[in-house]
C-alpha atoms as a PDB file:
ATOM      1  CA  MET A   1      -0.005  -0.021   0.007  1.00  0.00           C
ATOM      2  CA  VAL A   2       1.283   3.433  -0.973  1.00  0.00           C
ATOM      3  CA  LYS A   3       2.085   5.683   1.966  1.00  0.00           C
ATOM      4  CA  GLU A   4       1.053   9.181   0.890  1.00  0.00           C
ATOM      5  CA  ILE A   5       3.296  12.075   1.954  1.00  0.00           C
ATOM      6  CA  THR A   6       1.709  14.744   4.144  1.00  0.00           C
ATOM      7  CA  SER A   7       2.087  18.503   3.749  1.00  0.00           C
ATOM      8  CA  GLU A   8       3.979  18.540   7.057  1.00  0.00           C
ATOM      9  CA  VAL A   9       6.811  16.503   5.447  1.00  0.00           C
ATOM     10  CA  TYR A  10       7.289  19.159   2.809  1.00  0.00           C
ATOM     11  CA  ASP A  11       6.964  21.918   5.406  1.00  0.00           C
ATOM     12  CA  SER A  12       9.809  20.426   7.396  1.00  0.00           C
ATOM     13  CA  HIS A  13      12.025  20.159   4.254  1.00  0.00           C
ATOM     14  CA  ILE A  14      11.449  23.819   3.459  1.00  0.00           C
ATOM     15  CA  ILE A  15      12.263  24.925   6.944  1.00  0.00           C
ATOM     16  CA  GLU A  16      15.381  22.759   7.108  1.00  0.00           C
ATOM     17  CA  GLN A  17      16.654  23.933   3.690  1.00  0.00           C
ATOM     18  CA  GLY A  18      16.262  27.601   4.389  1.00  0.00           C
ATOM     19  CA  LEU A  19      15.549  30.590   2.062  1.00  0.00           C
ATOM     20  CA  GLN A  20      18.850  30.790   0.255  1.00  0.00           C
ATOM     21  CA  PHE A  21      18.593  27.180  -0.857  1.00  0.00           C
ATOM     22  CA  GLN A  22      15.358  27.982  -2.620  1.00  0.00           C
ATOM     23  CA  ILE A  23      16.831  31.007  -4.273  1.00  0.00           C
ATOM     24  CA  ASP A  24      19.917  29.108  -5.492  1.00  0.00           C
ATOM     25  CA  LYS A  25      17.920  26.205  -6.828  1.00  0.00           C
ATOM     26  CA  TYR A  26      14.765  27.771  -8.197  1.00  0.00           C
ATOM     27  CA  TYR A  27      14.931  31.533  -8.468  1.00  0.00           C
ATOM     28  CA  GLU A  28      18.541  32.196  -9.425  1.00  0.00           C
ATOM     29  CA  PRO A  29      19.841  28.690 -10.176  1.00  0.00           C
ATOM     30  CA  LYS A  30      23.627  28.406  -9.977  1.00  0.00           C
ATOM     31  CA  GLU A  31      24.053  24.950 -11.448  1.00  0.00           C
ATOM     32  CA  LEU A  32      23.853  24.287 -15.173  1.00  0.00           C
ATOM     33  CA  PRO A  33      21.296  21.459 -14.909  1.00  0.00           C
ATOM     34  CA  LEU A  34      18.955  23.648 -12.868  1.00  0.00           C
ATOM     35  CA  LYS A  35      19.290  26.422 -15.446  1.00  0.00           C
ATOM     36  CA  ARG A  36      18.472  23.938 -18.212  1.00  0.00           C
ATOM     37  CA  ARG A  37      15.423  22.833 -16.284  1.00  0.00           C
ATOM     38  CA  ILE A  38      14.034  26.421 -16.121  1.00  0.00           C
ATOM     39  CA  LYS A  39      14.735  26.949 -19.858  1.00  0.00           C
ATOM     40  CA  ILE A  40      13.223  23.642 -21.015  1.00  0.00           C
ATOM     41  CA  ILE A  41       9.991  24.294 -19.152  1.00  0.00           C
ATOM     42  CA  LEU A  42       9.662  27.984 -19.970  1.00  0.00           C
ATOM     43  CA  ASP A  43      10.196  27.119 -23.645  1.00  0.00           C
ATOM     44  CA  ALA A  44       7.288  24.708 -23.384  1.00  0.00           C
ATOM     45  CA  ILE A  45       5.064  27.167 -21.535  1.00  0.00           C
ATOM     46  CA  ALA A  46       5.927  30.105 -23.805  1.00  0.00           C
ATOM     47  CA  PRO A  47       4.429  32.663 -21.361  1.00  0.00           C
ATOM     48  CA  LYS A  48       3.012  35.831 -22.833  1.00  0.00           C
ATOM     49  CA  ALA A  49       2.112  39.078 -21.173  1.00  0.00           C
ATOM     50  CA  SER A  50      -1.350  39.238 -19.546  1.00  0.00           C
ATOM     51  CA  GLU A  51      -1.921  35.459 -19.815  1.00  0.00           C
ATOM     52  CA  LYS A  52      -3.458  33.802 -16.735  1.00  0.00           C
ATOM     53  CA  ILE A  53      -1.155  30.919 -15.733  1.00  0.00           C
ATOM     54  CA  LEU A  54      -1.735  28.361 -12.946  1.00  0.00           C
ATOM     55  CA  ASP A  55       1.276  26.621 -11.348  1.00  0.00           C
ATOM     56  CA  ILE A  56      -0.088  23.457  -9.663  1.00  0.00           C
ATOM     57  CA  GLY A  57       2.077  21.968  -6.883  1.00  0.00           C
ATOM     58  CA  CYS A  58       4.063  25.138  -7.173  1.00  0.00           C
ATOM     59  CA  GLY A  59       6.331  24.469  -4.206  1.00  0.00           C
ATOM     60  CA  VAL A  60       8.138  27.765  -3.551  1.00  0.00           C
ATOM     61  CA  GLY A  61       6.540  29.302  -6.627  1.00  0.00           C
ATOM     62  CA  THR A  62       9.204  28.645  -9.238  1.00  0.00           C
ATOM     63  CA  PHE A  63       7.228  28.797 -12.446  1.00  0.00           C
ATOM     64  CA  ALA A  64       4.603  31.229 -11.241  1.00  0.00           C
ATOM     65  CA  PHE A  65       7.565  33.532 -10.622  1.00  0.00           C
ATOM     66  CA  HIS A  66       9.345  32.922 -13.913  1.00  0.00           C
ATOM     67  CA  CYS A  67       6.178  33.371 -15.884  1.00  0.00           C
ATOM     68  CA  ALA A  68       5.286  36.541 -13.952  1.00  0.00           C
ATOM     69  CA  ARG A  69       8.687  38.005 -15.008  1.00  0.00           C
ATOM     70  CA  CYS A  70       7.320  37.674 -18.570  1.00  0.00           C
ATOM     71  CA  GLY A  71       4.303  39.757 -17.687  1.00  0.00           C
ATOM     72  CA  THR A  72       1.735  37.026 -16.933  1.00  0.00           C
ATOM     73  CA  ASN A  73      -0.774  36.955 -14.129  1.00  0.00           C
ATOM     74  CA  SER A  74       0.360  33.903 -12.241  1.00  0.00           C
ATOM     75  CA  VAL A  75      -1.293  31.835  -9.521  1.00  0.00           C
ATOM     76  CA  GLY A  76       0.573  29.171  -7.570  1.00  0.00           C
ATOM     77  CA  ILE A  77      -1.154  26.539  -5.449  1.00  0.00           C
ATOM     78  CA  ASP A  78       0.430  23.991  -3.087  1.00  0.00           C
ATOM     79  CA  TYR A  79      -0.630  22.119   0.001  1.00  0.00           C
ATOM     80  CA  SER A  80       2.563  23.026   1.866  1.00  0.00           C
ATOM     81  CA  LEU A  81       2.022  26.125   3.999  1.00  0.00           C
ATOM     82  CA  GLU A  82       5.753  26.731   4.388  1.00  0.00           C
ATOM     83  CA  SER A  83       6.320  26.539   0.635  1.00  0.00           C
ATOM     84  CA  ILE A  84       3.602  29.100   0.026  1.00  0.00           C
ATOM     85  CA  LYS A  85       5.083  31.376   2.728  1.00  0.00           C
ATOM     86  CA  VAL A  86       8.432  31.236   0.888  1.00  0.00           C
ATOM     87  CA  ALA A  87       6.786  31.839  -2.448  1.00  0.00           C
ATOM     88  CA  ARG A  88       5.080  34.956  -1.118  1.00  0.00           C
ATOM     89  CA  GLN A  89       8.306  36.181   0.453  1.00  0.00           C
ATOM     90  CA  LEU A  90      10.343  35.737  -2.695  1.00  0.00           C
ATOM     91  CA  SER A  91       7.756  37.305  -4.919  1.00  0.00           C
ATOM     92  CA  GLU A  92       8.059  40.419  -2.733  1.00  0.00           C
ATOM     93  CA  LYS A  93      11.873  40.239  -2.878  1.00  0.00           C
ATOM     94  CA  TYR A  94      11.928  39.919  -6.670  1.00  0.00           C
ATOM     95  CA  GLY A  95       9.238  42.460  -7.355  1.00  0.00           C
ATOM     96  CA  THR A  96       6.582  40.143  -8.903  1.00  0.00           C
ATOM     97  CA  SER A  97       4.032  40.309  -6.083  1.00  0.00           C
ATOM     98  CA  LYS A  98       1.706  42.527  -8.082  1.00  0.00           C
ATOM     99  CA  ASN A  99       1.098  39.843 -10.683  1.00  0.00           C
ATOM    100  CA  THR A 100       1.499  36.675  -8.583  1.00  0.00           C
ATOM    101  CA  LYS A 101      -0.817  35.079  -6.070  1.00  0.00           C
ATOM    102  CA  PHE A 102       0.009  32.048  -3.936  1.00  0.00           C
ATOM    103  CA  ILE A 103      -2.557  29.980  -2.054  1.00  0.00           C
ATOM    104  CA  VAL A 104      -2.636  26.856   0.068  1.00  0.00           C
ATOM    105  CA  GLY A 105      -4.951  24.339  -1.522  1.00  0.00           C
ATOM    106  CA  ASN A 106      -5.673  20.899  -2.999  1.00  0.00           C
ATOM    107  CA  ALA A 107      -4.826  20.228  -6.650  1.00  0.00           C
ATOM    108  CA  ASN A 108      -7.732  17.868  -6.932  1.00  0.00           C
ATOM    109  CA  ARG A 109     -10.278  20.580  -5.957  1.00  0.00           C
ATOM    110  CA  LEU A 110      -9.016  23.748  -7.548  1.00  0.00           C
ATOM    111  CA  PRO A 111     -10.792  26.889  -6.245  1.00  0.00           C
ATOM    112  CA  PHE A 112     -11.125  28.532  -9.665  1.00  0.00           C
ATOM    113  CA  LYS A 113     -13.890  28.967 -12.206  1.00  0.00           C
ATOM    114  CA  ASP A 114     -14.279  26.840 -15.301  1.00  0.00           C
ATOM    115  CA  SER A 115     -12.024  27.886 -18.299  1.00  0.00           C
ATOM    116  CA  TYR A 116     -10.332  30.513 -16.167  1.00  0.00           C
ATOM    117  CA  PHE A 117      -6.662  29.930 -17.163  1.00  0.00           C
ATOM    118  CA  ASP A 118      -4.849  30.304 -20.461  1.00  0.00           C
ATOM    119  CA  LYS A 119      -2.092  27.885 -19.351  1.00  0.00           C
ATOM    120  CA  VAL A 120      -1.645  25.384 -16.513  1.00  0.00           C
ATOM    121  CA  VAL A 121       1.673  23.828 -15.427  1.00  0.00           C
ATOM    122  CA  ALA A 122       2.434  20.876 -13.150  1.00  0.00           C
ATOM    123  CA  ILE A 123       6.164  20.579 -12.845  1.00  0.00           C
ATOM    124  CA  ASP A 124       7.799  17.742 -10.915  1.00  0.00           C
ATOM    125  CA  PHE A 125       4.483  17.144  -9.266  1.00  0.00           C
ATOM    126  CA  ILE A 126       2.673  14.068 -10.579  1.00  0.00           C
ATOM    127  CA  GLU A 127       5.384  11.734  -9.227  1.00  0.00           C
ATOM    128  CA  HIS A 128       4.196  12.780  -5.759  1.00  0.00           C
ATOM    129  CA  ILE A 129       0.570  11.690  -6.137  1.00  0.00           C
ATOM    130  CA  THR A 130      -1.287   8.410  -6.629  1.00  0.00           C
ATOM    131  CA  PHE A 131      -2.738   7.254  -9.957  1.00  0.00           C
ATOM    132  CA  GLU A 132      -6.240   8.017  -8.665  1.00  0.00           C
ATOM    133  CA  ASP A 133      -5.138  11.561  -7.808  1.00  0.00           C
ATOM    134  CA  LYS A 134      -3.589  11.908 -11.287  1.00  0.00           C
ATOM    135  CA  GLU A 135      -7.045  11.294 -12.703  1.00  0.00           C
ATOM    136  CA  LYS A 136      -8.572  13.912 -10.451  1.00  0.00           C
ATOM    137  CA  LEU A 137      -5.792  16.365 -11.314  1.00  0.00           C
ATOM    138  CA  LEU A 138      -6.370  15.930 -15.074  1.00  0.00           C
ATOM    139  CA  ARG A 139     -10.091  16.336 -14.587  1.00  0.00           C
ATOM    140  CA  GLU A 140      -9.487  19.617 -12.808  1.00  0.00           C
ATOM    141  CA  ILE A 141      -6.938  20.774 -15.381  1.00  0.00           C
ATOM    142  CA  CYS A 142      -9.501  20.096 -18.101  1.00  0.00           C
ATOM    143  CA  ARG A 143     -12.065  22.110 -16.170  1.00  0.00           C
ATOM    144  CA  VAL A 144     -10.044  25.260 -15.389  1.00  0.00           C
ATOM    145  CA  LEU A 145      -8.166  25.438 -18.765  1.00  0.00           C
ATOM    146  CA  ASN A 146      -9.810  27.496 -21.515  1.00  0.00           C
ATOM    147  CA  LEU A 147     -10.497  25.983 -24.924  1.00  0.00           C
ATOM    148  CA  LYS A 148      -7.411  27.490 -26.602  1.00  0.00           C
ATOM    149  CA  GLY A 149      -5.122  26.921 -23.602  1.00  0.00           C
ATOM    150  CA  ILE A 150      -2.280  24.444 -22.972  1.00  0.00           C
ATOM    151  CA  ALA A 151      -1.097  22.492 -19.988  1.00  0.00           C
ATOM    152  CA  VAL A 152       2.540  21.532 -19.445  1.00  0.00           C
ATOM    153  CA  ILE A 153       3.454  18.488 -17.327  1.00  0.00           C
ATOM    154  CA  PHE A 154       7.040  17.617 -16.509  1.00  0.00           C
ATOM    155  CA  THR A 155       8.033  14.653 -14.371  1.00  0.00           C
ATOM    156  CA  PRO A 156      10.874  12.149 -13.853  1.00  0.00           C
ATOM    157  CA  ASN A 157      11.002   9.208 -16.231  1.00  0.00           C
ATOM    158  CA  GLY A 158       9.708   6.248 -14.175  1.00  0.00           C
ATOM    159  CA  ILE A 159      11.686   3.659 -16.151  1.00  0.00           C
ATOM    160  CA  ARG A 160      14.926   5.639 -15.725  1.00  0.00           C
ATOM    161  CA  GLU A 161      14.455   5.994 -11.989  1.00  0.00           C
ATOM    162  CA  ARG A 162      13.796   2.303 -11.531  1.00  0.00           C
ATOM    163  CA  ILE A 163      16.907   1.464 -13.545  1.00  0.00           C
ATOM    164  CA  GLY A 164      18.767   3.860 -11.209  1.00  0.00           C
ATOM    165  CA  GLU A 165      17.442   2.020  -8.185  1.00  0.00           C
ATOM    166  CA  ILE A 166      18.772  -1.310  -9.543  1.00  0.00           C
ATOM    167  CA  TYR A 167      22.119   0.308 -10.350  1.00  0.00           C
ATOM    168  CA  TRP A 168      22.536   1.682  -6.830  1.00  0.00           C
ATOM    169  CA  LYS A 169      21.598  -1.617  -5.231  1.00  0.00           C
ATOM    170  CA  ILE A 170      24.236  -3.458  -7.251  1.00  0.00           C
ATOM    171  CA  ARG A 171      26.808  -0.712  -6.591  1.00  0.00           C
ATOM    172  CA  SER A 172      26.023  -0.670  -2.887  1.00  0.00           C
ATOM    173  CA  ARG A 173      26.668  -4.424  -2.632  1.00  0.00           C
ATOM    174  CA  ILE A 174      30.038  -4.015  -4.288  1.00  0.00           C
ATOM    175  CA  THR A 175      31.250  -0.775  -2.614  1.00  0.00           C
ATOM    176  CA  GLN A 176      29.232  -0.853   0.607  1.00  0.00           C
ATOM    177  CA  GLU A 177      28.082   2.728  -0.125  1.00  0.00           C
ATOM    178  CA  ASP A 178      24.738   3.960   1.149  1.00  0.00           C
ATOM    179  CA  ILE A 179      21.932   3.875  -1.431  1.00  0.00           C
ATOM    180  CA  PRO A 180      20.422   7.312  -2.211  1.00  0.00           C
ATOM    181  CA  THR A 181      16.705   6.965  -1.488  1.00  0.00           C
ATOM    182  CA  THR A 182      13.510   9.026  -1.452  1.00  0.00           C
ATOM    183  CA  ASP A 183       9.942   8.118  -0.461  1.00  0.00           C
ATOM    184  CA  LEU A 184       8.611  11.176  -2.234  1.00  0.00           C
ATOM    185  CA  HIS A 185       8.456   9.674  -5.746  1.00  0.00           C
ATOM    186  CA  TYR A 186       5.824   7.010  -5.024  1.00  0.00           C
ATOM    187  CA  GLY A 187       3.768   8.128  -8.066  1.00  0.00           C
ATOM    188  CA  LEU A 188       6.359   7.706 -10.889  1.00  0.00           C
ATOM    189  CA  VAL A 189       4.910   7.001 -14.305  1.00  0.00           C
ATOM    190  CA  LYS A 190       5.942   5.394 -17.569  1.00  0.00           C
ATOM    191  CA  ARG A 191       5.219   7.400 -20.688  1.00  0.00           C
ATOM    192  CA  SER A 192       2.735   4.807 -22.017  1.00  0.00           C
ATOM    193  CA  GLU A 193       0.588   4.634 -18.845  1.00  0.00           C
ATOM    194  CA  PHE A 194       0.314   8.415 -18.458  1.00  0.00           C
ATOM    195  CA  GLU A 195      -0.561   8.862 -22.132  1.00  0.00           C
ATOM    196  CA  SER A 196      -3.342   6.318 -21.736  1.00  0.00           C
ATOM    197  CA  LEU A 197      -4.748   8.541 -19.006  1.00  0.00           C
ATOM    198  CA  LEU A 198      -4.494  11.610 -21.188  1.00  0.00           C
ATOM    199  CA  ARG A 199      -6.423   9.857 -23.963  1.00  0.00           C
ATOM    200  CA  LYS A 200      -9.101   8.972 -21.445  1.00  0.00           C
ATOM    201  CA  PHE A 201      -9.776  12.712 -21.070  1.00  0.00           C
ATOM    202  CA  ASN A 202      -9.551  13.206 -24.811  1.00  0.00           C
ATOM    203  CA  PHE A 203      -6.554  15.463 -24.514  1.00  0.00           C
ATOM    204  CA  SER A 204      -4.306  15.890 -27.562  1.00  0.00           C
ATOM    205  CA  PHE A 205      -0.639  16.265 -26.676  1.00  0.00           C
ATOM    206  CA  GLU A 206       2.939  16.661 -27.838  1.00  0.00           C
ATOM    207  CA  PHE A 207       5.518  14.615 -25.984  1.00  0.00           C
ATOM    208  CA  LYS A 208       9.255  15.243 -25.487  1.00  0.00           C
ATOM    209  CA  TYR A 209      12.038  13.472 -23.640  1.00  0.00           C
ATOM    210  CA  ALA A 210      14.324  15.768 -21.605  1.00  0.00           C
ATOM    211  CA  ASP A 211      17.465  15.386 -19.572  1.00  0.00           C
ATOM    212  CA  ILE A 212      18.762  18.310 -17.576  1.00  0.00           C
ATOM    213  CA  THR A 213      22.055  16.646 -16.655  1.00  0.00           C
ATOM    214  CA  ARG A 214      23.012  14.889 -19.917  1.00  0.00           C
ATOM    215  CA  PRO A 215      20.895  16.501 -22.691  1.00  0.00           C
ATOM    216  CA  TYR A 216      22.188  14.095 -25.366  1.00  0.00           C
ATOM    217  CA  LEU A 217      20.388  11.203 -23.607  1.00  0.00           C
ATOM    218  CA  SER A 218      17.026  12.743 -24.598  1.00  0.00           C
ATOM    219  CA  LYS A 219      18.015  12.632 -28.294  1.00  0.00           C
ATOM    220  CA  ILE A 220      19.163   9.016 -28.766  1.00  0.00           C
ATOM    221  CA  PRO A 221      16.367   6.925 -30.245  1.00  0.00           C
ATOM    222  CA  ILE A 222      15.310   3.878 -28.251  1.00  0.00           C
ATOM    223  CA  LEU A 223      17.897   4.505 -25.497  1.00  0.00           C
ATOM    224  CA  ARG A 224      16.125   7.709 -24.458  1.00  0.00           C
ATOM    225  CA  ASN A 225      13.074   5.612 -23.503  1.00  0.00           C
ATOM    226  CA  PHE A 226      15.159   4.162 -20.673  1.00  0.00           C
ATOM    227  CA  LEU A 227      17.882   6.710 -19.969  1.00  0.00           C
ATOM    228  CA  ALA A 228      16.410  10.179 -20.364  1.00  0.00           C
ATOM    229  CA  LEU A 229      15.754  11.647 -16.931  1.00  0.00           C
ATOM    230  CA  GLU A 230      12.511  13.478 -17.629  1.00  0.00           C
ATOM    231  CA  LEU A 231       9.219  13.289 -19.572  1.00  0.00           C
ATOM    232  CA  LEU A 232       7.437  16.398 -20.786  1.00  0.00           C
ATOM    233  CA  TRP A 233       3.927  16.801 -22.229  1.00  0.00           C
ATOM    234  CA  ILE A 234       2.331  19.836 -23.828  1.00  0.00           C
ATOM    235  CA  ILE A 235      -1.388  19.149 -23.644  1.00  0.00           C
ATOM    236  CA  LYS A 236      -4.474  20.639 -25.312  1.00  0.00           C
ATOM    237  CA  LYS A 237      -8.123  20.099 -24.772  1.00  0.00           C
END
């Protein structure tokens, strides 16, 4: 049985990491892979001035912020109170508070009117929720997205992460090193199973492999199915 992660777990991570960690990782990323992540996702979103954009599972507000810098009216929603506190604090710090709003809420019951948003993003989020909640999430995205809008979903490649788990288990037996683990990614998906879910909601979509650490892995046919780190969908109603 899957043990779902509570908001308090994320709250404790945010408090432990501190404000500068969030800045260095999400707002002014120092490392090249983190810079690539921002660019890949912003290229997919293609934010335009005055668009209404919803960042679901926004964490500390990363893409609500980066879209707001392009002139959008951005809303971020997350169930972690501490994450939302940081998002509000950083939007003040970086001067985007006039066109950003951050709220604590449930992605499966979005407090917005039908067809309200031009674009919806869920970045590194669906790996943290159950399959049942993925269905509820897509239903809500379909409801709040306008007819000409798009949704962008970015998530780790489930196949790649499972291969990584096997690699680390073998390596640990040989070297006696500790295995890097996380219980946060209990909702990892394969491309095929998530696309089946998208078709259930009659979404059309464009799919891309991505890899923020070794970009070439997302370009090698066949191998990218197993080795590319991330999966990206651009979805239309």
